[in-house]
Full PDB file with SEQRES, HELIX, SHEET, SSBOND, CRYST1, ORIGX, SCALE, CONECT and MASTER records, all heavy atoms in Angstrom:
SEQRES   1 A   33  THR TYR LEU ASN GLY SER PHE CYS CYS THR GLY SER GLY          
SEQRES   2 A   33  ILE GLU ASN THR ALA ARG TYR ASN GLU GLY ILE TYR PHE          
SEQRES   3 A   33  HIS LYS ASP ASP ALA LEU TRP                                  
HELIX    1 AA1 CYS A    8  ALA A   18  1                                  11    
SHEET    1 AA1 2 HIS A  27  LYS A  28  0                                        
SHEET    2 AA1 2 ALA A  31  LEU A  32 -1                                        
CRYST1    1.000    1.000    1.000  90.00  90.00  90.00 P 1           1          
ORIGX1      1.000000  0.000000  0.000000        0.00000                         
ORIGX2      0.000000  1.000000  0.000000        0.00000                         
ORIGX3      0.000000  0.000000  1.000000        0.00000                         
SCALE1      1.000000  0.000000  0.000000        0.00000                         
SCALE2      0.000000  1.000000  0.000000        0.00000                         
SCALE3      0.000000  0.000000  1.000000        0.00000                         
ATOM      1  N   THR A   1     -31.585 -21.282 -21.393  1.00  0.00           N  
ATOM      2  CA  THR A   1     -32.318 -20.483 -20.420  1.00  0.00           C  
ATOM      3  C   THR A   1     -31.308 -19.631 -19.661  1.00  0.00           C  
ATOM      4  O   THR A   1     -30.322 -20.152 -19.135  1.00  0.00           O  
ATOM      5  CB  THR A   1     -33.085 -21.379 -19.432  1.00  0.00           C  
ATOM      6  OG1 THR A   1     -34.047 -22.146 -20.147  1.00  0.00           O  
ATOM      7  CG2 THR A   1     -33.785 -20.536 -18.370  1.00  0.00           C  
ATOM      8  N   TYR A   2     -31.541 -18.333 -19.598  1.00  0.00           N  
ATOM      9  CA  TYR A   2     -30.647 -17.412 -18.910  1.00  0.00           C  
ATOM     10  C   TYR A   2     -31.174 -17.180 -17.499  1.00  0.00           C  
ATOM     11  O   TYR A   2     -32.352 -16.882 -17.299  1.00  0.00           O  
ATOM     12  CB  TYR A   2     -30.519 -16.110 -19.701  1.00  0.00           C  
ATOM     13  CG  TYR A   2     -29.950 -16.375 -21.075  1.00  0.00           C  
ATOM     14  CD1 TYR A   2     -30.799 -16.651 -22.152  1.00  0.00           C  
ATOM     15  CD2 TYR A   2     -28.581 -16.435 -21.276  1.00  0.00           C  
ATOM     16  CE1 TYR A   2     -30.281 -16.951 -23.407  1.00  0.00           C  
ATOM     17  CE2 TYR A   2     -28.060 -16.734 -22.528  1.00  0.00           C  
ATOM     18  CZ  TYR A   2     -28.918 -16.993 -23.586  1.00  0.00           C  
ATOM     19  OH  TYR A   2     -28.402 -17.306 -24.823  1.00  0.00           O  
ATOM     20  N   LEU A   3     -30.310 -17.320 -16.526  1.00  0.00           N  
ATOM     21  CA  LEU A   3     -30.727 -17.423 -15.129  1.00  0.00           C  
ATOM     22  C   LEU A   3     -31.177 -16.091 -14.552  1.00  0.00           C  
ATOM     23  O   LEU A   3     -30.578 -15.046 -14.810  1.00  0.00           O  
ATOM     24  CB  LEU A   3     -29.563 -17.962 -14.295  1.00  0.00           C  
ATOM     25  CG  LEU A   3     -29.071 -19.357 -14.705  1.00  0.00           C  
ATOM     26  CD1 LEU A   3     -27.813 -19.723 -13.927  1.00  0.00           C  
ATOM     27  CD2 LEU A   3     -30.158 -20.404 -14.500  1.00  0.00           C  
ATOM     28  N   ASN A   4     -32.230 -16.168 -13.739  1.00  0.00           N  
ATOM     29  CA  ASN A   4     -32.754 -14.970 -13.083  1.00  0.00           C  
ATOM     30  C   ASN A   4     -32.665 -15.070 -11.570  1.00  0.00           C  
ATOM     31  O   ASN A   4     -33.328 -14.332 -10.856  1.00  0.00           O  
ATOM     32  CB  ASN A   4     -34.202 -14.718 -13.493  1.00  0.00           C  
ATOM     33  CG  ASN A   4     -35.134 -15.823 -12.998  1.00  0.00           C  
ATOM     34  OD1 ASN A   4     -34.696 -16.848 -12.472  1.00  0.00           O  
ATOM     35  ND2 ASN A   4     -36.435 -15.630 -13.175  1.00  0.00           N  
ATOM     36  N   GLY A   5     -31.863 -15.979 -11.060  1.00  0.00           N  
ATOM     37  CA  GLY A   5     -31.766 -16.165  -9.613  1.00  0.00           C  
ATOM     38  C   GLY A   5     -30.324 -16.293  -9.170  1.00  0.00           C  
ATOM     39  O   GLY A   5     -29.396 -15.891  -9.870  1.00  0.00           O  
ATOM     40  N   SER A   6     -30.150 -16.873  -7.986  1.00  0.00           N  
ATOM     41  CA  SER A   6     -28.813 -16.999  -7.387  1.00  0.00           C  
ATOM     42  C   SER A   6     -28.409 -18.467  -7.337  1.00  0.00           C  
ATOM     43  O   SER A   6     -28.160 -19.025  -6.276  1.00  0.00           O  
ATOM     44  CB  SER A   6     -28.812 -16.383  -5.982  1.00  0.00           C  
ATOM     45  OG  SER A   6     -29.877 -16.931  -5.198  1.00  0.00           O  
ATOM     46  N   PHE A   7     -28.377 -19.086  -8.508  1.00  0.00           N  
ATOM     47  CA  PHE A   7     -28.032 -20.500  -8.621  1.00  0.00           C  
ATOM     48  C   PHE A   7     -26.519 -20.688  -8.484  1.00  0.00           C  
ATOM     49  O   PHE A   7     -25.741 -19.726  -8.533  1.00  0.00           O  
ATOM     50  CB  PHE A   7     -28.507 -21.044  -9.968  1.00  0.00           C  
ATOM     51  CG  PHE A   7     -29.978 -20.871 -10.200  1.00  0.00           C  
ATOM     52  CD1 PHE A   7     -30.474 -19.766 -10.866  1.00  0.00           C  
ATOM     53  CD2 PHE A   7     -30.881 -21.813  -9.727  1.00  0.00           C  
ATOM     54  CE1 PHE A   7     -31.824 -19.601 -11.083  1.00  0.00           C  
ATOM     55  CE2 PHE A   7     -32.243 -21.655  -9.934  1.00  0.00           C  
ATOM     56  CZ  PHE A   7     -32.723 -20.543 -10.607  1.00  0.00           C  
ATOM     57  N   CYS A   8     -26.105 -21.951  -8.364  1.00  0.00           N  
ATOM     58  CA  CYS A   8     -24.667 -22.219  -8.288  1.00  0.00           C  
ATOM     59  C   CYS A   8     -23.963 -21.715  -9.538  1.00  0.00           C  
ATOM     60  O   CYS A   8     -22.844 -21.180  -9.468  1.00  0.00           O  
ATOM     61  CB  CYS A   8     -24.409 -23.708  -8.080  1.00  0.00           C  
ATOM     62  SG  CYS A   8     -25.119 -24.796  -9.344  1.00  0.00           S  
ATOM     63  N   CYS A   9     -24.598 -21.877 -10.704  1.00  0.00           N  
ATOM     64  CA  CYS A   9     -23.974 -21.440 -11.953  1.00  0.00           C  
ATOM     65  C   CYS A   9     -24.022 -19.929 -12.125  1.00  0.00           C  
ATOM     66  O   CYS A   9     -23.300 -19.387 -12.967  1.00  0.00           O  
ATOM     67  CB  CYS A   9     -24.625 -22.137 -13.150  1.00  0.00           C  
ATOM     68  SG  CYS A   9     -24.268 -23.915 -13.222  1.00  0.00           S  
ATOM     69  N   THR A  10     -24.840 -19.241 -11.329  1.00  0.00           N  
ATOM     70  CA  THR A  10     -24.765 -17.780 -11.286  1.00  0.00           C  
ATOM     71  C   THR A  10     -23.490 -17.375 -10.566  1.00  0.00           C  
ATOM     72  O   THR A  10     -22.766 -16.466 -11.000  1.00  0.00           O  
ATOM     73  CB  THR A  10     -25.981 -17.179 -10.569  1.00  0.00           C  
ATOM     74  OG1 THR A  10     -27.188 -17.749 -11.078  1.00  0.00           O  
ATOM     75  CG2 THR A  10     -26.015 -15.670 -10.724  1.00  0.00           C  
ATOM     76  N   GLY A  11     -23.209 -18.074  -9.466  1.00  0.00           N  
ATOM     77  CA  GLY A  11     -22.004 -17.777  -8.708  1.00  0.00           C  
ATOM     78  C   GLY A  11     -20.734 -18.051  -9.489  1.00  0.00           C  
ATOM     79  O   GLY A  11     -19.844 -17.196  -9.585  1.00  0.00           O  
ATOM     80  N   SER A  12     -20.631 -19.251 -10.074  1.00  0.00           N  
ATOM     81  CA  SER A  12     -19.437 -19.546 -10.878  1.00  0.00           C  
ATOM     82  C   SER A  12     -19.427 -18.686 -12.134  1.00  0.00           C  
ATOM     83  O   SER A  12     -18.358 -18.333 -12.648  1.00  0.00           O  
ATOM     84  CB  SER A  12     -19.376 -21.035 -11.233  1.00  0.00           C  
ATOM     85  OG  SER A  12     -20.510 -21.436 -11.978  1.00  0.00           O  
ATOM     86  N   GLY A  13     -20.620 -18.292 -12.606  1.00  0.00           N  
ATOM     87  CA  GLY A  13     -20.709 -17.472 -13.814  1.00  0.00           C  
ATOM     88  C   GLY A  13     -20.118 -16.090 -13.646  1.00  0.00           C  
ATOM     89  O   GLY A  13     -19.448 -15.578 -14.542  1.00  0.00           O  
ATOM     90  N   ILE A  14     -20.346 -15.454 -12.488  1.00  0.00           N  
ATOM     91  CA  ILE A  14     -19.752 -14.130 -12.289  1.00  0.00           C  
ATOM     92  C   ILE A  14     -18.248 -14.244 -12.066  1.00  0.00           C  
ATOM     93  O   ILE A  14     -17.499 -13.287 -12.308  1.00  0.00           O  
ATOM     94  CB  ILE A  14     -20.427 -13.338 -11.146  1.00  0.00           C  
ATOM     95  CG1 ILE A  14     -20.288 -14.058  -9.806  1.00  0.00           C  
ATOM     96  CG2 ILE A  14     -21.886 -13.047 -11.486  1.00  0.00           C  
ATOM     97  CD1 ILE A  14     -20.779 -13.234  -8.616  1.00  0.00           C  
ATOM     98  N   GLU A  15     -17.790 -15.399 -11.616  1.00  0.00           N  
ATOM     99  CA  GLU A  15     -16.345 -15.619 -11.515  1.00  0.00           C  
ATOM    100  C   GLU A  15     -15.711 -15.836 -12.889  1.00  0.00           C  
ATOM    101  O   GLU A  15     -14.566 -15.416 -13.132  1.00  0.00           O  
ATOM    102  CB  GLU A  15     -16.040 -16.829 -10.640  1.00  0.00           C  
ATOM    103  CG  GLU A  15     -16.240 -16.632  -9.156  1.00  0.00           C  
ATOM    104  CD  GLU A  15     -15.658 -17.789  -8.366  1.00  0.00           C  
ATOM    105  OE1 GLU A  15     -14.509 -18.173  -8.642  1.00  0.00           O  
ATOM    106  OE2 GLU A  15     -16.365 -18.323  -7.490  1.00  0.00           O  
ATOM    107  N   ASN A  16     -16.432 -16.510 -13.775  1.00  0.00           N  
ATOM    108  CA  ASN A  16     -15.821 -16.945 -15.037  1.00  0.00           C  
ATOM    109  C   ASN A  16     -15.261 -15.792 -15.855  1.00  0.00           C  
ATOM    110  O   ASN A  16     -14.158 -15.877 -16.402  1.00  0.00           O  
ATOM    111  CB  ASN A  16     -16.832 -17.733 -15.870  1.00  0.00           C  
ATOM    112  CG  ASN A  16     -17.014 -19.151 -15.375  1.00  0.00           C  
ATOM    113  OD1 ASN A  16     -16.133 -19.718 -14.735  1.00  0.00           O  
ATOM    114  ND2 ASN A  16     -18.166 -19.738 -15.673  1.00  0.00           N  
ATOM    115  N   THR A  17     -16.026 -14.711 -15.968  1.00  0.00           N  
ATOM    116  CA  THR A  17     -15.558 -13.603 -16.806  1.00  0.00           C  
ATOM    117  C   THR A  17     -14.312 -12.951 -16.222  1.00  0.00           C  
ATOM    118  O   THR A  17     -13.446 -12.467 -16.962  1.00  0.00           O  
ATOM    119  CB  THR A  17     -16.665 -12.551 -16.995  1.00  0.00           C  
ATOM    120  OG1 THR A  17     -17.195 -12.199 -15.713  1.00  0.00           O  
ATOM    121  CG2 THR A  17     -17.784 -13.077 -17.871  1.00  0.00           C  
ATOM    122  N   ALA A  18     -14.210 -12.939 -14.905  1.00  0.00           N  
ATOM    123  CA  ALA A  18     -13.028 -12.376 -14.268  1.00  0.00           C  
ATOM    124  C   ALA A  18     -11.834 -13.315 -14.351  1.00  0.00           C  
ATOM    125  O   ALA A  18     -10.693 -12.891 -14.119  1.00  0.00           O  
ATOM    126  CB  ALA A  18     -13.329 -12.048 -12.803  1.00  0.00           C  
ATOM    127  N   ARG A  19     -12.078 -14.575 -14.680  1.00  0.00           N  
ATOM    128  CA  ARG A  19     -11.001 -15.575 -14.802  1.00  0.00           C  
ATOM    129  C   ARG A  19     -10.509 -15.737 -16.237  1.00  0.00           C  
ATOM    130  O   ARG A  19      -9.612 -16.552 -16.484  1.00  0.00           O  
ATOM    131  CB  ARG A  19     -11.501 -16.931 -14.289  1.00  0.00           C  
ATOM    132  CG  ARG A  19     -11.710 -17.002 -12.784  1.00  0.00           C  
ATOM    133  CD  ARG A  19     -12.264 -18.367 -12.383  1.00  0.00           C  
ATOM    134  NE  ARG A  19     -12.458 -18.503 -10.951  1.00  0.00           N  
ATOM    135  CZ  ARG A  19     -11.536 -18.965 -10.099  1.00  0.00           C  
ATOM    136  NH1 ARG A  19     -10.364 -19.355 -10.563  1.00  0.00           N  
ATOM    137  NH2 ARG A  19     -11.780 -19.041  -8.815  1.00  0.00           N  
ATOM    138  N   TYR A  20     -11.078 -15.013 -17.181  1.00  0.00           N  
ATOM    139  CA  TYR A  20     -10.633 -15.167 -18.567  1.00  0.00           C  
ATOM    140  C   TYR A  20      -9.131 -14.925 -18.717  1.00  0.00           C  
ATOM    141  O   TYR A  20      -8.493 -15.473 -19.611  1.00  0.00           O  
ATOM    142  CB  TYR A  20     -11.372 -14.184 -19.476  1.00  0.00           C  
ATOM    143  CG  TYR A  20     -12.825 -14.488 -19.753  1.00  0.00           C  
ATOM    144  CD1 TYR A  20     -13.667 -13.478 -20.225  1.00  0.00           C  
ATOM    145  CD2 TYR A  20     -13.366 -15.750 -19.561  1.00  0.00           C  
ATOM    146  CE1 TYR A  20     -15.003 -13.723 -20.507  1.00  0.00           C  
ATOM    147  CE2 TYR A  20     -14.704 -16.006 -19.830  1.00  0.00           C  
ATOM    148  CZ  TYR A  20     -15.520 -14.994 -20.299  1.00  0.00           C  
ATOM    149  OH  TYR A  20     -16.842 -15.230 -20.583  1.00  0.00           O  
ATOM    150  N   ASN A  21      -8.562 -14.073 -17.871  1.00  0.00           N  
ATOM    151  CA  ASN A  21      -7.133 -13.773 -17.948  1.00  0.00           C  
ATOM    152  C   ASN A  21      -6.274 -14.976 -17.583  1.00  0.00           C  
ATOM    153  O   ASN A  21      -5.100 -15.039 -17.945  1.00  0.00           O  
ATOM    154  CB  ASN A  21      -6.780 -12.621 -17.001  1.00  0.00           C  
ATOM    155  CG  ASN A  21      -7.617 -11.395 -17.216  1.00  0.00           C  
ATOM    156  OD1 ASN A  21      -8.840 -11.451 -17.231  1.00  0.00           O  
ATOM    157  ND2 ASN A  21      -6.980 -10.246 -17.383  1.00  0.00           N  
ATOM    158  N   GLU A  22      -6.850 -15.908 -16.824  1.00  0.00           N  
ATOM    159  CA  GLU A  22      -6.098 -17.060 -16.353  1.00  0.00           C  
ATOM    160  C   GLU A  22      -6.003 -18.114 -17.450  1.00  0.00           C  
ATOM    161  O   GLU A  22      -6.867 -18.222 -18.302  1.00  0.00           O  
ATOM    162  CB  GLU A  22      -6.769 -17.654 -15.118  1.00  0.00           C  
ATOM    163  CG  GLU A  22      -6.913 -16.667 -13.972  1.00  0.00           C  
ATOM    164  CD  GLU A  22      -7.773 -17.202 -12.840  1.00  0.00           C  
ATOM    165  OE1 GLU A  22      -7.987 -18.424 -12.768  1.00  0.00           O  
ATOM    166  OE2 GLU A  22      -8.231 -16.383 -12.030  1.00  0.00           O  
ATOM    167  N   GLY A  23      -4.976 -18.904 -17.386  1.00  0.00           N  
ATOM    168  CA  GLY A  23      -4.843 -20.014 -18.323  1.00  0.00           C  
ATOM    169  C   GLY A  23      -4.189 -19.644 -19.639  1.00  0.00           C  
ATOM    170  O   GLY A  23      -3.885 -20.522 -20.444  1.00  0.00           O  
ATOM    171  N   ILE A  24      -3.974 -18.349 -19.893  1.00  0.00           N  
ATOM    172  CA  ILE A  24      -3.337 -17.951 -21.153  1.00  0.00           C  
ATOM    173  C   ILE A  24      -1.842 -18.225 -21.098  1.00  0.00           C  
ATOM    174  O   ILE A  24      -1.260 -18.787 -22.031  1.00  0.00           O  
ATOM    175  CB  ILE A  24      -3.599 -16.458 -21.450  1.00  0.00           C  
ATOM    176  CG1 ILE A  24      -5.098 -16.163 -21.496  1.00  0.00           C  
ATOM    177  CG2 ILE A  24      -2.946 -16.063 -22.777  1.00  0.00           C  
ATOM    178  CD1 ILE A  24      -5.434 -14.682 -21.677  1.00  0.00           C  
ATOM    179  N   TYR A  25      -1.221 -17.846 -19.966  1.00  0.00           N  
ATOM    180  CA  TYR A  25       0.234 -17.949 -19.825  1.00  0.00           C  
ATOM    181  C   TYR A  25       0.592 -18.683 -18.531  1.00  0.00           C  
ATOM    182  O   TYR A  25      -0.049 -18.487 -17.497  1.00  0.00           O  
ATOM    183  CB  TYR A  25       0.880 -16.560 -19.774  1.00  0.00           C  
ATOM    184  CG  TYR A  25       0.509 -15.639 -20.904  1.00  0.00           C  
ATOM    185  CD1 TYR A  25      -0.472 -14.661 -20.739  1.00  0.00           C  
ATOM    186  CD2 TYR A  25       1.144 -15.717 -22.141  1.00  0.00           C  
ATOM    187  CE1 TYR A  25      -0.808 -13.788 -21.762  1.00  0.00           C  
ATOM    188  CE2 TYR A  25       0.818 -14.850 -23.179  1.00  0.00           C  
ATOM    189  CZ  TYR A  25      -0.171 -13.895 -22.983  1.00  0.00           C  
ATOM    190  OH  TYR A  25      -0.505 -13.034 -23.999  1.00  0.00           O  
ATOM    191  N   PHE A  26       1.644 -19.497 -18.597  1.00  0.00           N  
ATOM    192  CA  PHE A  26       2.246 -20.120 -17.422  1.00  0.00           C  
ATOM    193  C   PHE A  26       3.755 -19.867 -17.488  1.00  0.00           C  
ATOM    194  O   PHE A  26       4.306 -19.597 -18.562  1.00  0.00           O  
ATOM    195  CB  PHE A  26       1.978 -21.625 -17.388  1.00  0.00           C  
ATOM    196  CG  PHE A  26       0.563 -21.995 -17.008  1.00  0.00           C  
ATOM    197  CD1 PHE A  26      -0.476 -21.866 -17.924  1.00  0.00           C  
ATOM    198  CD2 PHE A  26       0.265 -22.469 -15.738  1.00  0.00           C  
ATOM    199  CE1 PHE A  26      -1.781 -22.207 -17.578  1.00  0.00           C  
ATOM    200  CE2 PHE A  26      -1.030 -22.813 -15.385  1.00  0.00           C  
ATOM    201  CZ  PHE A  26      -2.055 -22.685 -16.301  1.00  0.00           C  
ATOM    202  N   HIS A  27       4.422 -19.994 -16.348  1.00  0.00           N  
ATOM    203  CA  HIS A  27       5.852 -19.701 -16.341  1.00  0.00           C  
ATOM    204  C   HIS A  27       6.585 -20.537 -15.300  1.00  0.00           C  
ATOM    205  O   HIS A  27       6.008 -21.013 -14.317  1.00  0.00           O  
ATOM    206  CB  HIS A  27       6.085 -18.219 -16.033  1.00  0.00           C  
ATOM    207  CG  HIS A  27       5.720 -17.817 -14.625  1.00  0.00           C  
ATOM    208  ND1 HIS A  27       6.646 -17.612 -13.637  1.00  0.00           N  
ATOM    209  CD2 HIS A  27       4.512 -17.596 -14.049  1.00  0.00           C  
ATOM    210  CE1 HIS A  27       6.042 -17.282 -12.513  1.00  0.00           C  
ATOM    211  NE2 HIS A  27       4.743 -17.257 -12.742  1.00  0.00           N  
ATOM    212  N   LYS A  28       7.876 -20.709 -15.531  1.00  0.00           N  
ATOM    213  CA  LYS A  28       8.809 -21.228 -14.534  1.00  0.00           C  
ATOM    214  C   LYS A  28      10.205 -20.763 -14.917  1.00  0.00           C  
ATOM    215  O   LYS A  28      10.636 -20.921 -16.061  1.00  0.00           O  
ATOM    216  CB  LYS A  28       8.782 -22.753 -14.444  1.00  0.00           C  
ATOM    217  CG  LYS A  28       9.728 -23.276 -13.355  1.00  0.00           C  
ATOM    218  CD  LYS A  28       9.778 -24.779 -13.292  1.00  0.00           C  
ATOM    219  CE  LYS A  28      10.739 -25.209 -12.177  1.00  0.00           C  
ATOM    220  NZ  LYS A  28      10.874 -26.685 -12.107  1.00  0.00           N  
ATOM    221  N   ASP A  29      10.901 -20.187 -13.945  1.00  0.00           N  
ATOM    222  CA  ASP A  29      12.242 -19.668 -14.186  1.00  0.00           C  
ATOM    223  C   ASP A  29      12.218 -18.741 -15.408  1.00  0.00           C  
ATOM    224  O   ASP A  29      11.499 -17.763 -15.414  1.00  0.00           O  
ATOM    225  CB  ASP A  29      13.230 -20.822 -14.349  1.00  0.00           C  
ATOM    226  CG  ASP A  29      13.294 -21.715 -13.111  1.00  0.00           C  
ATOM    227  OD1 ASP A  29      13.080 -21.193 -12.003  1.00  0.00           O  
ATOM    228  OD2 ASP A  29      13.539 -22.924 -13.259  1.00  0.00           O  
ATOM    229  N   ASP A  30      12.986 -19.088 -16.460  1.00  0.00           N  
ATOM    230  CA  ASP A  30      13.023 -18.228 -17.653  1.00  0.00           C  
ATOM    231  C   ASP A  30      12.249 -18.832 -18.817  1.00  0.00           C  
ATOM    232  O   ASP A  30      12.516 -18.523 -19.979  1.00  0.00           O  
ATOM    233  CB  ASP A  30      14.463 -17.944 -18.071  1.00  0.00           C  
ATOM    234  CG  ASP A  30      15.239 -19.209 -18.410  1.00  0.00           C  
ATOM    235  OD1 ASP A  30      14.667 -20.315 -18.287  1.00  0.00           O  
ATOM    236  OD2 ASP A  30      16.424 -19.101 -18.788  1.00  0.00           O  
ATOM    237  N   ALA A  31      11.280 -19.696 -18.510  1.00  0.00           N  
ATOM    238  CA  ALA A  31      10.450 -20.311 -19.549  1.00  0.00           C  
ATOM    239  C   ALA A  31       9.011 -19.819 -19.433  1.00  0.00           C  
ATOM    240  O   ALA A  31       8.461 -19.721 -18.331  1.00  0.00           O  
ATOM    241  CB  ALA A  31      10.483 -21.831 -19.445  1.00  0.00           C  
ATOM    242  N   LEU A  32       8.415 -19.507 -20.574  1.00  0.00           N  
ATOM    243  CA  LEU A  32       7.028 -19.051 -20.647  1.00  0.00           C  
ATOM    244  C   LEU A  32       6.258 -19.968 -21.577  1.00  0.00           C  
ATOM    245  O   LEU A  32       6.721 -20.263 -22.677  1.00  0.00           O  
ATOM    246  CB  LEU A  32       6.975 -17.617 -21.180  1.00  0.00           C  
ATOM    247  CG  LEU A  32       5.586 -17.016 -21.420  1.00  0.00           C  
ATOM    248  CD1 LEU A  32       4.913 -16.715 -20.087  1.00  0.00           C  
ATOM    249  CD2 LEU A  32       5.684 -15.746 -22.260  1.00  0.00           C  
ATOM    250  N   TRP A  33       5.097 -20.443 -21.108  1.00  0.00           N  
ATOM    251  CA  TRP A  33       4.205 -21.229 -21.960  1.00  0.00           C  
ATOM    252  C   TRP A  33       3.029 -20.348 -22.381  1.00  0.00           C  
ATOM    253  O   TRP A  33       2.367 -19.732 -21.534  1.00  0.00           O  
ATOM    254  CB  TRP A  33       3.664 -22.444 -21.208  1.00  0.00           C  
ATOM    255  CG  TRP A  33       4.657 -23.542 -21.012  1.00  0.00           C  
ATOM    256  CD1 TRP A  33       4.853 -24.638 -21.809  1.00  0.00           C  
ATOM    257  CD2 TRP A  33       5.589 -23.672 -19.931  1.00  0.00           C  
ATOM    258  NE1 TRP A  33       5.854 -25.434 -21.295  1.00  0.00           N  
ATOM    259  CE2 TRP A  33       6.324 -24.860 -20.148  1.00  0.00           C  
ATOM    260  CE3 TRP A  33       5.885 -22.892 -18.803  1.00  0.00           C  
ATOM    261  CZ2 TRP A  33       7.321 -25.293 -19.280  1.00  0.00           C  
ATOM    262  CZ3 TRP A  33       6.877 -23.319 -17.935  1.00  0.00           C  
ATOM    263  CH2 TRP A  33       7.580 -24.497 -18.178  1.00  0.00           C  
TER     264      TRP A  33                                                      
MASTER        0    0    0    1    2    0    0    6  263    1    0    3          
END                                                                             
């Protein structure tokens, strides 16, 4: 079911697409994961 209101998962849902960039790369000093 695709949401038509302002549910909690609507709120986290609009965040999710903007967060796709996160979690791909991590770093410390001269090391990249």
